[in-house]
């Protein structure tokens, strides 16, 4: 009903328009703070999750509602980062279809993100270019920490980026520059979980209810009480994890996007909504270390293996 598929350049343009006018960086799972990050309606930085809204730059930070765990994901793709022996939290991500096509996201991408962060924190040369695909995708990198998998950082972009450079950039941006958290430290590495989400199948829909909980991520665009345009987004897993229905999800996004007036059904009908799907992969630091020990000389990393400590 009133669906318009967003493809190629149109999709990039849509993302820039929804997220703001500057370089498009976004964040994607529910957030830990209050409406923080759901700030100014000019630049498109938003928090995905309870903190999701729009921020002052095109960077969107993805938070985790009440710091709830929200990452899982499919695998696939070949590279020097071989997933043999790993047991990441894999499941066909929303939008992946039922085996209709091979997943693009892979465990190798999470390994690469861990390598990038480890090299940065220990002052080593960055890891060499990985062998997985370098096709462009909108993407998010999410970090969680501890047994309860509290959100530790999540930032991404709705503009398609080549995966090699995009994952390098957003690995460090989400780990060090998420304004809701202090920069990560070496001591936190052993307790981290990394998730990579690749966003696909963007569609503009005419009805704000025309999306499926647990399948679609949604991005809304609306005008606040002062007439300023705002945007906010939740990744596909957020609403299901929080136990929300369509209305609760929309209303949460409006609040996190900075809308303070009473929310009526008539106002909800004025929202411009884009739905999308994602492929996701999650890996723990322990799984990363197991992989590194097995493939240390195959992945081009010249520095010593990182120390591994069990959860305290």
Protein backbone atom coordinates (compact mmCIF):
# COMPACT_ATOMS: atom_id res chain seq x y z
CA UNK A 1 0.00 0.00 0.00
CA UNK A 2 1.74 3.03 -1.26
CA UNK A 3 5.14 1.36 -1.19
CA UNK A 4 8.06 2.87 -3.03
CA UNK A 5 11.27 0.91 -3.18
CA UNK A 6 14.39 2.89 -2.47
CA UNK A 7 17.23 1.80 -4.74
CA UNK A 8 20.77 2.94 -5.45
CA UNK A 9 21.33 6.66 -5.48
CA UNK A 10 17.76 7.25 -4.40
CA UNK A 11 18.39 5.27 -1.24
CA UNK A 12 21.49 7.28 -0.40
CA UNK A 13 19.57 10.47 -0.99
CA UNK A 14 16.76 9.28 1.24
CA UNK A 15 19.21 8.49 4.00
CA UNK A 16 20.88 11.86 3.80
CA UNK A 17 17.55 13.60 3.85
CA UNK A 18 16.25 11.65 6.83
CA UNK A 19 19.43 11.76 8.81
CA UNK A 20 20.46 15.27 8.13
CA UNK A 21 22.44 17.30 5.73
CA UNK A 22 25.97 16.49 6.73
CA UNK A 23 28.08 13.39 6.24
CA UNK A 24 25.67 10.60 7.00
CA UNK A 25 26.52 8.69 10.14
CA UNK A 26 23.80 7.06 12.17
CA UNK A 27 23.30 4.88 15.13
CA UNK A 28 21.10 1.91 15.40
CA UNK A 29 19.90 0.01 18.50
CA UNK A 30 17.99 1.33 21.46
CA UNK A 31 19.92 3.64 23.64
CA UNK A 32 20.95 3.70 27.21
CA UNK A 33 20.27 7.23 28.20
CA UNK A 34 17.23 9.39 28.02
CA UNK A 35 16.39 11.23 24.88
CA UNK A 36 20.05 11.95 24.49
CA UNK A 37 21.03 11.90 20.88
CA UNK A 38 17.52 12.64 19.86
CA UNK A 39 18.60 16.15 19.59
CA UNK A 40 18.59 18.81 16.99
CA UNK A 41 16.54 18.22 13.94
CA UNK A 42 19.09 19.46 11.55
CA UNK A 43 21.89 17.08 11.35
CA UNK A 44 20.88 13.49 11.19
CA UNK A 45 22.46 11.81 14.08
CA UNK A 46 20.07 9.47 15.73
CA UNK A 47 20.07 6.69 18.27
CA UNK A 48 18.62 3.39 17.25
CA UNK A 49 16.76 1.97 20.14
CA UNK A 50 15.38 3.69 23.12
CA UNK A 51 17.80 6.50 22.50
CA UNK A 52 17.07 6.71 18.87
CA UNK A 53 16.35 10.03 17.42
CA UNK A 54 18.15 12.57 15.46
CA UNK A 55 21.37 14.22 16.37
CA UNK A 56 23.46 17.10 15.33
CA UNK A 57 25.42 15.38 12.65
CA UNK A 58 24.66 12.76 10.10
CA UNK A 59 26.03 10.20 12.48
CA UNK A 60 23.38 8.05 14.00
CA UNK A 61 24.17 6.33 17.22
CA UNK A 62 22.47 3.08 17.90
CA UNK A 63 21.51 2.48 21.44
CA UNK A 64 19.93 -0.36 23.32
CA UNK A 65 16.66 0.22 25.13
CA UNK A 66 17.31 -0.20 28.83
CA UNK A 67 20.58 -1.76 27.68
CA UNK A 68 18.83 -4.85 26.43
CA UNK A 69 20.74 -7.29 24.26
CA UNK A 70 19.66 -6.95 20.66
CA UNK A 71 22.06 -8.60 18.30
CA UNK A 72 22.26 -11.90 16.45
CA UNK A 73 22.76 -12.77 12.83
CA UNK A 74 23.45 -14.76 9.73
CA UNK A 75 26.76 -15.61 8.14
CA UNK A 76 28.38 -16.29 4.83
CA UNK A 77 31.11 -14.97 2.52
CA UNK A 78 34.68 -16.10 2.16
CA UNK A 79 37.82 -14.38 3.36
CA UNK A 80 41.02 -14.86 5.24
CA UNK A 81 38.88 -14.58 8.36
CA UNK A 82 37.59 -18.13 8.40
CA UNK A 83 34.67 -18.81 10.70
CA UNK A 84 35.53 -22.47 11.20
CA UNK A 85 35.25 -23.42 14.83
CA UNK A 86 33.28 -20.32 15.79
CA UNK A 87 29.88 -20.37 17.36
CA UNK A 88 28.61 -16.84 16.91
CA UNK A 89 25.00 -16.07 17.71
CA UNK A 90 23.71 -16.81 14.25
CA UNK A 91 20.19 -16.64 12.95
CA UNK A 92 18.75 -15.60 9.61
CA UNK A 93 18.46 -11.88 10.14
CA UNK A 94 15.32 -9.95 9.40
CA UNK A 95 15.15 -9.32 5.70
CA UNK A 96 17.39 -12.25 4.90
CA UNK A 97 14.56 -14.22 3.41
CA UNK A 98 14.19 -17.96 3.84
CA UNK A 99 17.31 -19.08 2.06
CA UNK A 100 16.42 -17.02 -0.99
CA UNK A 101 19.98 -15.82 -1.30
CA UNK A 102 23.33 -16.18 0.34
CA UNK A 103 23.98 -13.89 3.27
CA UNK A 104 26.55 -11.15 2.75
CA UNK A 105 27.28 -10.47 6.42
CA UNK A 106 29.76 -12.92 7.93
CA UNK A 107 31.73 -13.85 11.03
CA UNK A 108 34.82 -12.61 9.20
CA UNK A 109 33.45 -9.09 9.36
CA UNK A 110 33.16 -9.26 13.15
CA UNK A 111 36.72 -10.63 13.37
CA UNK A 112 37.92 -7.72 11.27
CA UNK A 113 36.18 -5.23 13.57
CA UNK A 114 37.84 -6.79 16.61
CA UNK A 115 41.22 -6.64 14.85
CA UNK A 116 40.72 -2.97 14.01
CA UNK A 117 39.79 -2.10 17.60
CA UNK A 118 42.56 -4.23 19.12
CA UNK A 119 45.24 -2.70 16.88
CA UNK A 120 44.02 0.79 17.72
CA UNK A 121 43.94 0.25 21.47
CA UNK A 122 47.40 -1.35 21.54
CA UNK A 123 49.03 1.00 19.05
CA UNK A 124 49.73 -1.58 16.35
CA UNK A 125 49.53 -0.99 12.62
CA UNK A 126 45.96 -1.40 11.31
CA UNK A 127 45.14 -4.88 9.97
CA UNK A 128 45.54 -5.41 6.27
CA UNK A 129 42.66 -5.26 3.85
CA UNK A 130 40.32 -8.21 4.46
CA UNK A 131 39.22 -10.61 1.75
CA UNK A 132 35.46 -10.50 2.24
CA UNK A 133 33.42 -8.53 -0.25
CA UNK A 134 33.97 -4.79 -0.53
CA UNK A 135 30.53 -4.06 -1.96
CA UNK A 136 28.79 -0.95 -0.59
CA UNK A 137 26.08 -1.27 2.07
CA UNK A 138 24.49 0.90 4.74
CA UNK A 139 25.89 -0.55 7.95
CA UNK A 140 26.01 -0.43 11.73
CA UNK A 141 28.66 -1.67 14.17
CA UNK A 142 27.39 -2.42 17.67
CA UNK A 143 29.38 -3.23 20.79
CA UNK A 144 27.94 -4.86 23.90
CA UNK A 145 29.70 -5.82 27.10
CA UNK A 146 29.44 -8.30 29.97
CA UNK A 147 27.29 -11.31 30.71
CA UNK A 148 24.13 -9.22 30.41
CA UNK A 149 25.34 -7.71 27.12
CA UNK A 150 24.83 -4.08 27.99
CA UNK A 151 25.08 -1.65 25.13
CA UNK A 152 28.58 -0.15 24.91
CA UNK A 153 28.39 1.70 21.61
CA UNK A 154 26.53 1.60 18.31
CA UNK A 155 26.95 3.89 15.34
CA UNK A 156 26.41 3.40 11.63
CA UNK A 157 25.30 4.98 8.40
CA UNK A 158 22.32 4.74 6.07
CA UNK A 159 24.53 5.80 3.17
CA UNK A 160 26.07 2.81 1.40
CA UNK A 161 29.79 2.50 2.13
CA UNK A 162 32.34 0.03 0.81
CA UNK A 163 32.56 -2.56 3.55
CA UNK A 164 36.34 -2.51 4.02
CA UNK A 165 36.54 1.21 4.74
CA UNK A 166 33.07 1.39 6.29
CA UNK A 167 33.74 -1.28 8.89
CA UNK A 168 37.13 0.23 9.73
CA UNK A 169 35.55 3.64 10.26
CA UNK A 170 32.50 2.59 12.21
CA UNK A 171 34.37 0.07 14.35
CA UNK A 172 36.33 2.92 15.88
CA UNK A 173 33.54 5.49 15.73
CA UNK A 174 31.14 3.23 17.65
CA UNK A 175 33.82 2.15 20.14
CA UNK A 176 35.36 5.54 20.82
CA UNK A 177 32.96 8.29 19.77
CA UNK A 178 29.48 7.26 20.89
CA UNK A 179 28.60 10.33 22.95
CA UNK A 180 26.60 8.25 25.42
CA UNK A 181 29.67 6.36 26.61
CA UNK A 182 33.33 7.00 27.42
CA UNK A 183 35.84 5.67 24.86
CA UNK A 184 36.57 1.96 25.18
CA UNK A 185 39.70 0.79 26.96
CA UNK A 186 41.94 -2.28 26.66
CA UNK A 187 40.56 -3.71 29.89
CA UNK A 188 37.10 -3.99 28.35
CA UNK A 189 38.14 -6.07 25.34
CA UNK A 190 37.70 -9.54 26.93
CA UNK A 191 34.06 -8.80 27.80
CA UNK A 192 32.99 -7.38 24.44
CA UNK A 193 30.55 -8.64 21.83
CA UNK A 194 30.65 -7.21 18.32
CA UNK A 195 27.71 -7.12 15.92
CA UNK A 196 27.76 -6.08 12.27
CA UNK A 197 24.45 -5.18 10.63
CA UNK A 198 24.08 -4.61 6.89
CA UNK A 199 20.88 -2.80 5.91
CA UNK A 200 18.91 -3.78 2.81
CA UNK A 201 15.51 -3.56 1.10
CA UNK A 202 14.63 0.07 1.84
CA UNK A 203 11.01 0.88 1.00
CA UNK A 204 8.99 4.05 1.52
CA UNK A 205 5.46 3.14 2.65
CA UNK A 206 2.30 5.20 2.68
CA UNK A 207 0.91 3.79 5.94
CA UNK A 208 2.88 4.11 9.17
CA UNK A 209 1.59 0.64 10.19
CA UNK A 210 2.82 -1.05 7.00
CA UNK A 211 5.77 -2.92 8.50
CA UNK A 212 6.24 -6.13 10.47
CA UNK A 213 7.58 -6.30 14.02
CA UNK A 214 10.71 -8.44 14.16
CA UNK A 215 11.21 -8.27 10.40
CA UNK A 216 11.58 -4.62 9.45
CA UNK A 217 13.66 -1.81 10.80
CA UNK A 218 11.87 1.52 10.51
CA UNK A 219 12.95 5.07 10.02
CA UNK A 220 10.50 7.89 10.58
CA UNK A 221 10.55 11.50 9.49
CA UNK A 222 8.25 14.06 11.10
CA UNK A 223 7.92 17.71 12.07
CA UNK A 224 8.02 18.64 15.73
CA UNK A 225 5.98 21.27 17.54
CA UNK A 226 8.24 24.04 16.25
CA UNK A 227 8.03 22.88 12.65
CA UNK A 228 11.54 21.40 12.59
CA UNK A 229 12.08 18.18 10.69
CA UNK A 230 13.23 15.24 12.82
CA UNK A 231 14.15 11.64 12.09
CA UNK A 232 14.61 8.54 14.20
CA UNK A 233 15.22 4.85 13.55
CA UNK A 234 15.10 1.43 15.17
CA UNK A 235 16.91 -1.58 13.75
CA UNK A 236 14.69 -4.61 12.98
CA UNK A 237 15.29 -6.42 16.26
CA UNK A 238 14.45 -3.58 18.64
CA UNK A 239 10.64 -3.65 18.72
CA UNK A 240 10.51 -7.42 19.15
CA UNK A 241 13.07 -7.40 21.95
CA UNK A 242 11.18 -4.71 23.80
CA UNK A 243 7.83 -6.44 23.35
CA UNK A 244 6.36 -3.44 21.54
CA UNK A 245 3.55 -3.37 19.02
CA UNK A 246 3.43 -0.97 16.07
CA UNK A 247 1.97 1.97 18.00
CA UNK A 248 4.33 1.61 20.95
CA UNK A 249 7.31 1.50 18.60
CA UNK A 250 6.21 4.56 16.65
CA UNK A 251 5.47 6.51 19.82
CA UNK A 252 8.84 5.57 21.32
CA UNK A 253 10.59 6.77 18.17
CA UNK A 254 8.69 10.04 18.27
CA UNK A 255 9.72 10.65 21.88
CA UNK A 256 13.31 9.76 21.20
CA UNK A 257 13.21 12.01 18.16
CA UNK A 258 12.31 14.87 20.46
CA UNK A 259 8.55 15.13 19.98
CA UNK A 260 7.07 16.32 23.28
CA UNK A 261 3.43 17.08 22.46
CA UNK A 262 0.60 14.58 22.98
CA UNK A 263 0.72 11.91 20.28
CA UNK A 264 -2.57 11.48 18.46
CA UNK A 265 -3.54 9.07 15.72
CA UNK A 266 -3.94 12.00 13.34
CA UNK A 267 -0.35 13.04 14.03
CA UNK A 268 0.93 9.50 13.49
CA UNK A 269 -0.66 9.58 10.04
CA UNK A 270 1.57 12.55 9.10
CA UNK A 271 4.74 10.52 9.64
CA UNK A 272 6.83 9.55 6.63
CA UNK A 273 8.02 6.00 7.22
CA UNK A 274 10.71 3.97 5.48
CA UNK A 275 11.05 0.31 6.31
CA UNK A 276 14.11 -1.81 5.75
CA UNK A 277 15.63 -5.16 6.61
CA UNK A 278 19.05 -6.21 7.84
CA UNK A 279 21.54 -9.04 7.90
CA UNK A 280 23.33 -9.36 11.22
CA UNK A 281 26.24 -11.27 12.74
CA UNK A 282 27.36 -11.25 16.38
CA UNK A 283 30.62 -12.57 17.82
CA UNK A 284 32.10 -12.59 21.32
CA UNK A 285 35.70 -11.75 22.16
CA UNK A 286 36.23 -15.37 23.22
CA UNK A 287 35.13 -16.55 19.77
CA UNK A 288 37.35 -13.96 18.17
CA UNK A 289 40.35 -15.19 20.18
CA UNK A 290 39.62 -18.82 19.24
CA UNK A 291 39.56 -17.76 15.60
CA UNK A 292 42.74 -15.73 15.89
CA UNK A 293 44.65 -18.57 17.54
CA UNK A 294 43.62 -20.89 14.72
CA UNK A 295 44.26 -18.50 11.85
CA UNK A 296 46.95 -16.22 13.24
CA UNK A 297 49.27 -16.52 10.26
CA UNK A 298 46.56 -16.50 7.62
CA UNK A 299 44.93 -13.16 8.30
CA UNK A 300 47.94 -10.89 7.94
CA UNK A 301 48.09 -9.72 11.54
CA UNK A 302 51.69 -9.21 12.53
CA UNK A 303 51.23 -8.27 16.18
CA UNK A 304 51.15 -10.76 19.08
CA UNK A 305 47.92 -12.50 19.94
CA UNK A 306 45.89 -10.40 22.37
CA UNK A 307 45.77 -11.62 25.94
CA UNK A 308 42.59 -13.46 26.84
CA UNK A 309 40.94 -13.32 30.23
CA UNK A 310 37.76 -15.13 31.17
CA UNK A 311 34.85 -13.10 32.43
CA UNK A 312 35.38 -12.04 36.00
